[in-house]
Amino acid sequence: MLKWALIFAVVALIAGALGFGGIAGAAAGIAKILFFIFLVGFVLFLVLGVMAGRKISGG
């Protein structure tokens, strides 16, 4: 997911540099959405991993 967010961010930068404002805005919006979905998933799995680690170790 992070890979796709970075790809859309690069597309937005290139499109913006070439003067395609609509495409740049759309690509930037998609990149932002994908990044926040990645961030929520990362934090969720981090918390689940810590909780499972405590349960396995008995702490």
PDB file of N, CA and C in Angstrom:
ATOM      1  N   MET A   1       0.837  -1.188   0.000  1.00  0.00           N
ATOM      2  CA  MET A   1       0.000   0.000   0.000  1.00  0.00           C
ATOM      3  C   MET A   1       0.881   1.251   0.000  1.00  0.00           C
ATOM      4  N   LEU A   2       1.932   1.214   0.789  1.00  0.00           N
ATOM      5  CA  LEU A   2       2.829   2.361   0.826  1.00  0.00           C
ATOM      6  C   LEU A   2       3.511   2.557  -0.531  1.00  0.00           C
ATOM      7  N   LYS A   3       3.800   1.444  -1.198  1.00  0.00           N
ATOM      8  CA  LYS A   3       4.423   1.519  -2.521  1.00  0.00           C
ATOM      9  C   LYS A   3       3.522   2.274  -3.493  1.00  0.00           C
ATOM     10  N   TRP A   4       2.222   1.958  -3.478  1.00  0.00           N
ATOM     11  CA  TRP A   4       1.286   2.637  -4.380  1.00  0.00           C
ATOM     12  C   TRP A   4       1.124   4.107  -4.010  1.00  0.00           C
ATOM     13  N   ALA A   5       1.159   4.412  -2.722  1.00  0.00           N
ATOM     14  CA  ALA A   5       1.068   5.814  -2.301  1.00  0.00           C
ATOM     15  C   ALA A   5       2.264   6.604  -2.827  1.00  0.00           C
ATOM     16  N   LEU A   6       3.446   6.002  -2.755  1.00  0.00           N
ATOM     17  CA  LEU A   6       4.640   6.684  -3.269  1.00  0.00           C
ATOM     18  C   LEU A   6       4.579   6.835  -4.792  1.00  0.00           C
ATOM     19  N   ILE A   7       4.069   5.833  -5.483  1.00  0.00           N
ATOM     20  CA  ILE A   7       3.937   5.923  -6.940  1.00  0.00           C
ATOM     21  C   ILE A   7       3.001   7.066  -7.315  1.00  0.00           C
ATOM     22  N   PHE A   8       1.841   7.153  -6.648  1.00  0.00           N
ATOM     23  CA  PHE A   8       0.902   8.235  -6.952  1.00  0.00           C
ATOM     24  C   PHE A   8       1.474   9.598  -6.574  1.00  0.00           C
ATOM     25  N   ALA A   9       2.285   9.653  -5.525  1.00  0.00           N
ATOM     26  CA  ALA A   9       2.914  10.926  -5.154  1.00  0.00           C
ATOM     27  C   ALA A   9       3.900  11.370  -6.231  1.00  0.00           C
ATOM     28  N   VAL A  10       4.661  10.439  -6.760  1.00  0.00           N
ATOM     29  CA  VAL A  10       5.609  10.778  -7.829  1.00  0.00           C
ATOM     30  C   VAL A  10       4.861  11.203  -9.090  1.00  0.00           C
ATOM     31  N   VAL A  11       3.781  10.494  -9.408  1.00  0.00           N
ATOM     32  CA  VAL A  11       2.966  10.877 -10.570  1.00  0.00           C
ATOM     33  C   VAL A  11       2.416  12.290 -10.382  1.00  0.00           C
ATOM     34  N   ALA A  12       1.971  12.604  -9.167  1.00  0.00           N
ATOM     35  CA  ALA A  12       1.448  13.942  -8.893  1.00  0.00           C
ATOM     36  C   ALA A  12       2.532  15.003  -9.059  1.00  0.00           C
ATOM     37  N   LEU A  13       3.736  14.715  -8.593  1.00  0.00           N
ATOM     38  CA  LEU A  13       4.825  15.686  -8.729  1.00  0.00           C
ATOM     39  C   LEU A  13       5.190  15.914 -10.198  1.00  0.00           C
ATOM     40  N   ILE A  14       5.272  14.837 -10.958  1.00  0.00           N
ATOM     41  CA  ILE A  14       5.621  14.965 -12.376  1.00  0.00           C
ATOM     42  C   ILE A  14       4.513  15.688 -13.135  1.00  0.00           C
ATOM     43  N   ALA A  15       3.265  15.308 -12.873  1.00  0.00           N
ATOM     44  CA  ALA A  15       2.143  15.968 -13.560  1.00  0.00           C
ATOM     45  C   ALA A  15       2.067  17.445 -13.186  1.00  0.00           C
ATOM     46  N   GLY A  16       2.328  17.763 -11.933  1.00  0.00           N
ATOM     47  CA  GLY A  16       2.324  19.161 -11.513  1.00  0.00           C
ATOM     48  C   GLY A  16       3.432  19.958 -12.179  1.00  0.00           C
ATOM     49  N   ALA A  17       4.602  19.340 -12.330  1.00  0.00           N
ATOM     50  CA  ALA A  17       5.726  20.026 -12.968  1.00  0.00           C
ATOM     51  C   ALA A  17       5.456  20.262 -14.452  1.00  0.00           C
ATOM     52  N   LEU A  18       4.682  19.371 -15.066  1.00  0.00           N
ATOM     53  CA  LEU A  18       4.376  19.521 -16.488  1.00  0.00           C
ATOM     54  C   LEU A  18       3.132  20.367 -16.744  1.00  0.00           C
ATOM     55  N   GLY A  19       2.455  20.774 -15.688  1.00  0.00           N
ATOM     56  CA  GLY A  19       1.321  21.671 -15.844  1.00  0.00           C
ATOM     57  C   GLY A  19      -0.039  21.000 -15.895  1.00  0.00           C
ATOM     58  N   PHE A  20      -0.110  19.742 -15.579  1.00  0.00           N
ATOM     59  CA  PHE A  20      -1.391  19.031 -15.557  1.00  0.00           C
ATOM     60  C   PHE A  20      -1.960  19.092 -14.143  1.00  0.00           C
ATOM     61  N   GLY A  21      -2.612  20.199 -13.832  1.00  0.00           N
ATOM     62  CA  GLY A  21      -3.088  20.434 -12.467  1.00  0.00           C
ATOM     63  C   GLY A  21      -4.162  19.472 -12.005  1.00  0.00           C
ATOM     64  N   GLY A  22      -5.092  19.138 -12.888  1.00  0.00           N
ATOM     65  CA  GLY A  22      -6.178  18.230 -12.503  1.00  0.00           C
ATOM     66  C   GLY A  22      -5.677  16.837 -12.191  1.00  0.00           C
ATOM     67  N   ILE A  23      -4.804  16.340 -13.044  1.00  0.00           N
ATOM     68  CA  ILE A  23      -4.243  15.004 -12.832  1.00  0.00           C
ATOM     69  C   ILE A  23      -3.364  15.007 -11.586  1.00  0.00           C
ATOM     70  N   ALA A  24      -2.608  16.070 -11.383  1.00  0.00           N
ATOM     71  CA  ALA A  24      -1.736  16.161 -10.211  1.00  0.00           C
ATOM     72  C   ALA A  24      -2.557  16.181  -8.930  1.00  0.00           C
ATOM     73  N   GLY A  25      -3.657  16.915  -8.933  1.00  0.00           N
ATOM     74  CA  GLY A  25      -4.509  16.972  -7.744  1.00  0.00           C
ATOM     75  C   GLY A  25      -5.160  15.639  -7.446  1.00  0.00           C
ATOM     76  N   ALA A  26      -5.621  14.963  -8.491  1.00  0.00           N
ATOM     77  CA  ALA A  26      -6.247  13.654  -8.292  1.00  0.00           C
ATOM     78  C   ALA A  26      -5.234  12.635  -7.789  1.00  0.00           C
ATOM     79  N   ALA A  27      -4.055  12.621  -8.373  1.00  0.00           N
ATOM     80  CA  ALA A  27      -3.023  11.675  -7.947  1.00  0.00           C
ATOM     81  C   ALA A  27      -2.574  11.968  -6.513  1.00  0.00           C
ATOM     82  N   ALA A  28      -2.477  13.237  -6.161  1.00  0.00           N
ATOM     83  CA  ALA A  28      -2.093  13.591  -4.795  1.00  0.00           C
ATOM     84  C   ALA A  28      -3.169  13.168  -3.801  1.00  0.00           C
ATOM     85  N   GLY A  29      -4.434  13.326  -4.178  1.00  0.00           N
ATOM     86  CA  GLY A  29      -5.528  12.898  -3.309  1.00  0.00           C
ATOM     87  C   GLY A  29      -5.525  11.396  -3.094  1.00  0.00           C
ATOM     88  N   ILE A  30      -5.309  10.641  -4.159  1.00  0.00           N
ATOM     89  CA  ILE A  30      -5.240   9.184  -4.043  1.00  0.00           C
ATOM     90  C   ILE A  30      -4.047   8.779  -3.182  1.00  0.00           C
ATOM     91  N   ALA A  31      -2.909   9.433  -3.380  1.00  0.00           N
ATOM     92  CA  ALA A  31      -1.725   9.118  -2.591  1.00  0.00           C
ATOM     93  C   ALA A  31      -1.971   9.387  -1.115  1.00  0.00           C
ATOM     94  N   LYS A  32      -2.658  10.465  -0.812  1.00  0.00           N
ATOM     95  CA  LYS A  32      -2.947  10.807   0.582  1.00  0.00           C
ATOM     96  C   LYS A  32      -3.867   9.762   1.224  1.00  0.00           C
ATOM     97  N   ILE A  33      -4.900   9.355   0.492  1.00  0.00           N
ATOM     98  CA  ILE A  33      -5.829   8.342   1.011  1.00  0.00           C
ATOM     99  C   ILE A  33      -5.106   7.028   1.254  1.00  0.00           C
ATOM    100  N   LEU A  34      -4.305   6.587   0.275  1.00  0.00           N
ATOM    101  CA  LEU A  34      -3.575   5.332   0.422  1.00  0.00           C
ATOM    102  C   LEU A  34      -2.594   5.388   1.586  1.00  0.00           C
ATOM    103  N   PHE A  35      -1.940   6.535   1.771  1.00  0.00           N
ATOM    104  CA  PHE A  35      -0.987   6.665   2.872  1.00  0.00           C
ATOM    105  C   PHE A  35      -1.691   6.549   4.218  1.00  0.00           C
ATOM    106  N   PHE A  36      -2.854   7.194   4.366  1.00  0.00           N
ATOM    107  CA  PHE A  36      -3.549   7.122   5.651  1.00  0.00           C
ATOM    108  C   PHE A  36      -4.121   5.730   5.907  1.00  0.00           C
ATOM    109  N   ILE A  37      -4.553   5.031   4.856  1.00  0.00           N
ATOM    110  CA  ILE A  37      -4.997   3.645   5.030  1.00  0.00           C
ATOM    111  C   ILE A  37      -3.811   2.786   5.478  1.00  0.00           C
ATOM    112  N   PHE A  38      -2.647   2.997   4.866  1.00  0.00           N
ATOM    113  CA  PHE A  38      -1.444   2.280   5.279  1.00  0.00           C
ATOM    114  C   PHE A  38      -1.105   2.582   6.731  1.00  0.00           C
ATOM    115  N   LEU A  39      -1.177   3.843   7.108  1.00  0.00           N
ATOM    116  CA  LEU A  39      -0.830   4.246   8.466  1.00  0.00           C
ATOM    117  C   LEU A  39      -1.760   3.611   9.497  1.00  0.00           C
ATOM    118  N   VAL A  40      -3.054   3.591   9.231  1.00  0.00           N
ATOM    119  CA  VAL A  40      -4.016   2.971  10.142  1.00  0.00           C
ATOM    120  C   VAL A  40      -3.750   1.471  10.248  1.00  0.00           C
ATOM    121  N   GLY A  41      -3.522   0.816   9.124  1.00  0.00           N
ATOM    122  CA  GLY A  41      -3.219  -0.618   9.140  1.00  0.00           C
ATOM    123  C   GLY A  41      -1.942  -0.924   9.885  1.00  0.00           C
ATOM    124  N   PHE A  42      -0.917  -0.099   9.702  1.00  0.00           N
ATOM    125  CA  PHE A  42       0.355  -0.302  10.384  1.00  0.00           C
ATOM    126  C   PHE A  42       0.195  -0.196  11.894  1.00  0.00           C
ATOM    127  N   VAL A  43      -0.486   0.844  12.339  1.00  0.00           N
ATOM    128  CA  VAL A  43      -0.694   1.029  13.780  1.00  0.00           C
ATOM    129  C   VAL A  43      -1.544  -0.103  14.348  1.00  0.00           C
ATOM    130  N   LEU A  44      -2.570  -0.514  13.620  1.00  0.00           N
ATOM    131  CA  LEU A  44      -3.428  -1.609  14.073  1.00  0.00           C
ATOM    132  C   LEU A  44      -2.629  -2.894  14.244  1.00  0.00           C
ATOM    133  N   PHE A  45      -1.833  -3.255  13.250  1.00  0.00           N
ATOM    134  CA  PHE A  45      -1.046  -4.478  13.346  1.00  0.00           C
ATOM    135  C   PHE A  45       0.064  -4.354  14.389  1.00  0.00           C
ATOM    136  N   LEU A  46       0.595  -3.169  14.589  1.00  0.00           N
ATOM    137  CA  LEU A  46       1.594  -2.967  15.631  1.00  0.00           C
ATOM    138  C   LEU A  46       0.993  -3.219  17.006  1.00  0.00           C
ATOM    139  N   VAL A  47      -0.184  -2.676  17.252  1.00  0.00           N
ATOM    140  CA  VAL A  47      -0.861  -2.881  18.540  1.00  0.00           C
ATOM    141  C   VAL A  47      -1.225  -4.353  18.715  1.00  0.00           C
ATOM    142  N   LEU A  48      -1.760  -4.980  17.672  1.00  0.00           N
ATOM    143  CA  LEU A  48      -2.104  -6.398  17.767  1.00  0.00           C
ATOM    144  C   LEU A  48      -0.870  -7.257  18.020  1.00  0.00           C
ATOM    145  N   GLY A  49       0.231  -6.933  17.400  1.00  0.00           N
ATOM    146  CA  GLY A  49       1.473  -7.675  17.615  1.00  0.00           C
ATOM    147  C   GLY A  49       1.991  -7.549  19.030  1.00  0.00           C
ATOM    148  N   VAL A  50       1.915  -6.352  19.594  1.00  0.00           N
ATOM    149  CA  VAL A  50       2.365  -6.140  20.971  1.00  0.00           C
ATOM    150  C   VAL A  50       1.455  -6.907  21.933  1.00  0.00           C
ATOM    151  N   MET A  51       0.164  -6.859  21.690  1.00  0.00           N
ATOM    152  CA  MET A  51      -0.781  -7.554  22.571  1.00  0.00           C
ATOM    153  C   MET A  51      -0.589  -9.069  22.474  1.00  0.00           C
ATOM    154  N   ALA A  52      -0.356  -9.593  21.286  1.00  0.00           N
ATOM    155  CA  ALA A  52      -0.149 -11.036  21.125  1.00  0.00           C
ATOM    156  C   ALA A  52       1.172 -11.446  21.756  1.00  0.00           C
ATOM    157  N   GLY A  53       2.186 -10.608  21.653  1.00  0.00           N
ATOM    158  CA  GLY A  53       3.471 -10.915  22.267  1.00  0.00           C
ATOM    159  C   GLY A  53       3.370 -10.986  23.781  1.00  0.00           C
ATOM    160  N   ARG A  54       2.600 -10.106  24.372  1.00  0.00           N
ATOM    161  CA  ARG A  54       2.403 -10.132  25.823  1.00  0.00           C
ATOM    162  C   ARG A  54       1.637 -11.371  26.248  1.00  0.00           C
ATOM    163  N   LYS A  55       0.665 -11.767  25.450  1.00  0.00           N
ATOM    164  CA  LYS A  55      -0.151 -12.926  25.787  1.00  0.00           C
ATOM    165  C   LYS A  55       0.689 -14.213  25.700  1.00  0.00           C
ATOM    166  N   ILE A  56       1.553 -14.308  24.697  1.00  0.00           N
ATOM    167  CA  ILE A  56       2.389 -15.500  24.537  1.00  0.00           C
ATOM    168  C   ILE A  56       3.423 -15.572  25.655  1.00  0.00           C
ATOM    169  N   SER A  57       4.054 -14.431  25.991  1.00  0.00           N
ATOM    170  CA  SER A  57       5.100 -14.453  27.008  1.00  0.00           C
ATOM    171  C   SER A  57       4.528 -14.471  28.417  1.00  0.00           C
ATOM    172  N   GLY A  58       3.251 -14.240  28.574  1.00  0.00           N
ATOM    173  CA  GLY A  58       2.631 -14.277  29.888  1.00  0.00           C
ATOM    174  C   GLY A  58       2.752 -12.989  30.665  1.00  0.00           C
ATOM    175  N   GLY A  59       3.180 -11.922  30.012  1.00  0.00           N
ATOM    176  CA  GLY A  59       3.377 -10.659  30.706  1.00  0.00           C
ATOM    177  C   GLY A  59       2.233  -9.805  30.649  1.00  0.00           C
TER     178      GLY A  59
END
